[in-house]
Amino acid sequence: MSAAKQIRVIVDGTEYIVEVGDLSERPIRAHVNQRTYQVRIPDPDTPVPPRPQMTSKPVTSAAAPSPVPAAPAPVPAGGAGALASPMPGDIIEVFVKPGDAVTAGQELCSLEAMKMKNAIRAPHAAKIAEVHIMPGQEVCHGQILFTFE
């Protein structure tokens, strides 16, 4: 077990102090500006995709989170996609795991925002590819919660 380490990073001219937890845990927890993020480190044998061309919005990596959340990804009906948080808040419970088949309207997690518990439901029937959150985690509006196969 390793001790937490602080790293100074600069994203778009703004300096952040990132505290990274135990690197042997999965996912790794990183704390930035009193927020906790889950950080995944890809397998070193996985090829790195080509860098996207700059668009009107800058693209940032999970290792250096931007204070401005990305826009939610569109979710095609009955297929792959992602489900983004409709509001900022705290994850209370997660009811699914990768590999689970879900139906349209099935509750995937509960999110507390402004002292209210909100059910986050599947927009369509699909199979869960990844769960990007865990109970107790604070999420931003537009942050990806689940991806579907």
Protein backbone atom coordinates (compact mmCIF):
# COMPACT_ATOMS: atom_id res chain seq x y z
CA MET A 1 0.00 0.00 0.00
CA SER A 2 1.45 3.35 -0.99
CA ALA A 3 0.85 6.77 0.51
CA ALA A 4 -1.06 9.50 -1.32
CA LYS A 5 1.09 11.67 -3.56
CA GLN A 6 0.48 15.27 -4.61
CA ILE A 7 1.17 16.31 -8.20
CA ARG A 8 1.03 19.86 -9.61
CA VAL A 9 -0.61 20.00 -13.07
CA ILE A 10 -1.57 22.89 -15.33
CA VAL A 11 -4.64 22.55 -17.57
CA ASP A 12 -5.46 25.38 -19.98
CA GLY A 13 -3.33 27.77 -17.92
CA THR A 14 -4.99 26.88 -14.59
CA GLU A 15 -2.88 25.18 -11.92
CA TYR A 16 -4.30 22.26 -9.92
CA ILE A 17 -2.89 20.19 -7.10
CA VAL A 18 -3.91 16.57 -7.71
CA GLU A 19 -3.66 14.11 -4.84
CA VAL A 20 -3.39 10.58 -6.17
CA GLY A 21 -4.20 7.63 -3.90
CA ASP A 22 -2.92 4.07 -3.92
CA LEU A 23 -1.78 3.26 -7.47
CA SER A 24 -2.38 -0.46 -6.92
CA GLU A 25 -6.14 0.09 -6.41
CA ARG A 26 -8.58 0.00 -9.33
CA PRO A 27 -9.93 2.48 -10.05
CA ILE A 28 -7.37 4.93 -8.72
CA ARG A 29 -8.87 7.83 -6.78
CA ALA A 30 -7.61 11.34 -7.51
CA HIS A 31 -8.67 14.39 -5.49
CA VAL A 32 -8.75 17.79 -7.25
CA ASN A 33 -10.27 20.95 -5.74
CA GLN A 34 -12.15 18.99 -3.06
CA ARG A 35 -13.65 16.64 -5.66
CA THR A 36 -12.89 12.97 -6.06
CA TYR A 37 -12.40 11.43 -9.51
CA GLN A 38 -11.93 7.83 -10.58
CA VAL A 39 -8.89 7.50 -12.83
CA ARG A 40 -8.28 4.50 -15.05
CA ILE A 41 -4.82 3.71 -16.37
CA PRO A 42 -5.04 1.74 -19.63
CA ASP A 43 -3.10 -1.46 -20.18
CA PRO A 44 0.37 -0.48 -21.50
CA ASP A 45 -0.14 -2.88 -24.46
CA THR A 46 -3.32 -1.06 -25.55
CA PRO A 47 -2.61 1.14 -28.59
CA VAL A 48 -3.08 4.86 -28.01
CA PRO A 49 -5.79 6.29 -30.30
CA PRO A 50 -4.77 9.19 -32.55
CA ARG A 51 -5.07 12.61 -30.93
CA PRO A 52 -8.32 14.31 -32.01
CA GLN A 53 -8.23 17.57 -33.94
CA MET A 54 -9.01 20.66 -31.86
CA THR A 55 -12.66 21.65 -31.95
CA SER A 56 -14.48 24.50 -30.27
CA LYS A 57 -14.04 22.73 -26.90
CA PRO A 58 -10.68 21.57 -25.53
CA VAL A 59 -10.34 17.85 -24.84
CA THR A 60 -8.79 16.84 -21.50
CA SER A 61 -7.60 13.53 -20.09
CA ALA A 62 -8.92 11.78 -16.97
CA ALA A 63 -5.54 12.30 -15.28
CA ALA A 64 -6.00 16.09 -15.36
CA PRO A 65 -9.73 16.77 -15.00
CA SER A 66 -11.05 20.05 -16.30
CA PRO A 67 -13.21 22.14 -13.98
CA VAL A 68 -15.75 22.40 -16.83
CA PRO A 69 -17.53 19.06 -17.44
CA ALA A 70 -17.80 17.66 -20.94
CA ALA A 71 -21.18 17.68 -22.67
CA PRO A 72 -23.15 14.45 -22.37
CA ALA A 73 -22.56 11.95 -25.14
CA PRO A 74 -25.58 11.10 -27.31
CA VAL A 75 -27.12 7.69 -26.68
CA PRO A 76 -28.37 5.96 -29.83
CA ALA A 77 -31.56 3.93 -29.33
CA GLY A 78 -30.90 0.27 -28.62
CA GLY A 79 -27.15 0.49 -29.07
CA ALA A 80 -23.87 1.68 -27.64
CA GLY A 81 -23.48 5.03 -25.98
CA ALA A 82 -23.04 6.75 -22.69
CA LEU A 83 -25.27 8.14 -19.96
CA ALA A 84 -24.18 11.43 -18.42
CA SER A 85 -25.25 12.98 -15.15
CA PRO A 86 -28.17 15.35 -15.65
CA MET A 87 -27.07 17.44 -12.64
CA PRO A 88 -24.24 17.80 -10.13
CA GLY A 89 -24.59 15.76 -6.95
CA ASP A 90 -23.41 12.81 -4.88
CA ILE A 91 -23.85 9.17 -5.89
CA ILE A 92 -25.77 7.36 -3.14
CA GLU A 93 -26.09 3.84 -4.62
CA VAL A 94 -25.12 2.03 -7.82
CA PHE A 95 -27.45 -0.84 -8.74
CA VAL A 96 -25.67 -2.31 -11.80
CA LYS A 97 -22.24 -3.61 -12.77
CA PRO A 98 -20.45 -4.16 -16.09
CA GLY A 99 -22.05 -6.99 -18.04
CA ASP A 100 -25.56 -6.45 -16.61
CA ALA A 101 -28.42 -6.30 -19.13
CA VAL A 102 -30.79 -3.42 -18.33
CA THR A 103 -34.24 -2.48 -19.58
CA ALA A 104 -35.48 0.96 -20.59
CA GLY A 105 -36.39 2.91 -17.46
CA GLN A 106 -34.51 0.60 -15.06
CA GLU A 107 -32.88 2.47 -12.16
CA LEU A 108 -29.08 2.38 -12.57
CA CYS A 109 -28.07 4.54 -9.62
CA SER A 110 -29.40 7.13 -7.20
CA LEU A 111 -27.95 10.62 -7.06
CA GLU A 112 -28.53 13.17 -4.30
CA ALA A 113 -28.74 16.78 -5.43
CA MET A 114 -29.97 19.67 -3.27
CA LYS A 115 -31.07 17.23 -0.52
CA MET A 116 -33.25 15.28 -2.99
CA LYS A 117 -32.70 11.67 -4.07
CA ASN A 118 -32.95 11.27 -7.86
CA ALA A 119 -33.25 7.98 -9.73
CA ILE A 120 -30.98 7.81 -12.77
CA ARG A 121 -32.62 5.42 -15.22
CA ALA A 122 -31.54 3.60 -18.38
CA PRO A 123 -32.66 5.51 -21.49
CA HIS A 124 -33.07 2.23 -23.43
CA ALA A 125 -32.47 -1.50 -23.15
CA ALA A 126 -28.76 -2.24 -23.31
CA LYS A 127 -25.84 -4.04 -21.71
CA ILE A 128 -23.65 -2.12 -19.24
CA ALA A 129 -20.09 -1.87 -20.61
CA GLU A 130 -18.57 0.29 -17.85
CA VAL A 131 -19.63 1.88 -14.57
CA HIS A 132 -17.66 5.13 -14.10
CA ILE A 133 -18.94 5.97 -10.60
CA MET A 134 -19.10 4.59 -7.09
CA PRO A 135 -21.16 5.35 -3.97
CA GLY A 136 -20.03 8.50 -2.17
CA GLN A 137 -18.52 10.03 -5.30
CA GLU A 138 -19.36 13.62 -6.23
CA VAL A 139 -20.24 14.06 -9.91
CA CYS A 140 -20.55 17.09 -12.17
CA HIS A 141 -23.32 17.89 -14.63
CA GLY A 142 -22.51 16.10 -17.87
CA GLN A 143 -20.03 13.67 -16.29
CA ILE A 144 -20.28 10.19 -17.83
CA LEU A 145 -21.85 7.73 -15.36
CA PHE A 146 -22.30 4.60 -17.51
CA THR A 147 -21.33 3.41 -20.95
CA PHE A 148 -23.33 0.81 -22.87
CA GLU A 149 -22.31 -1.92 -25.33
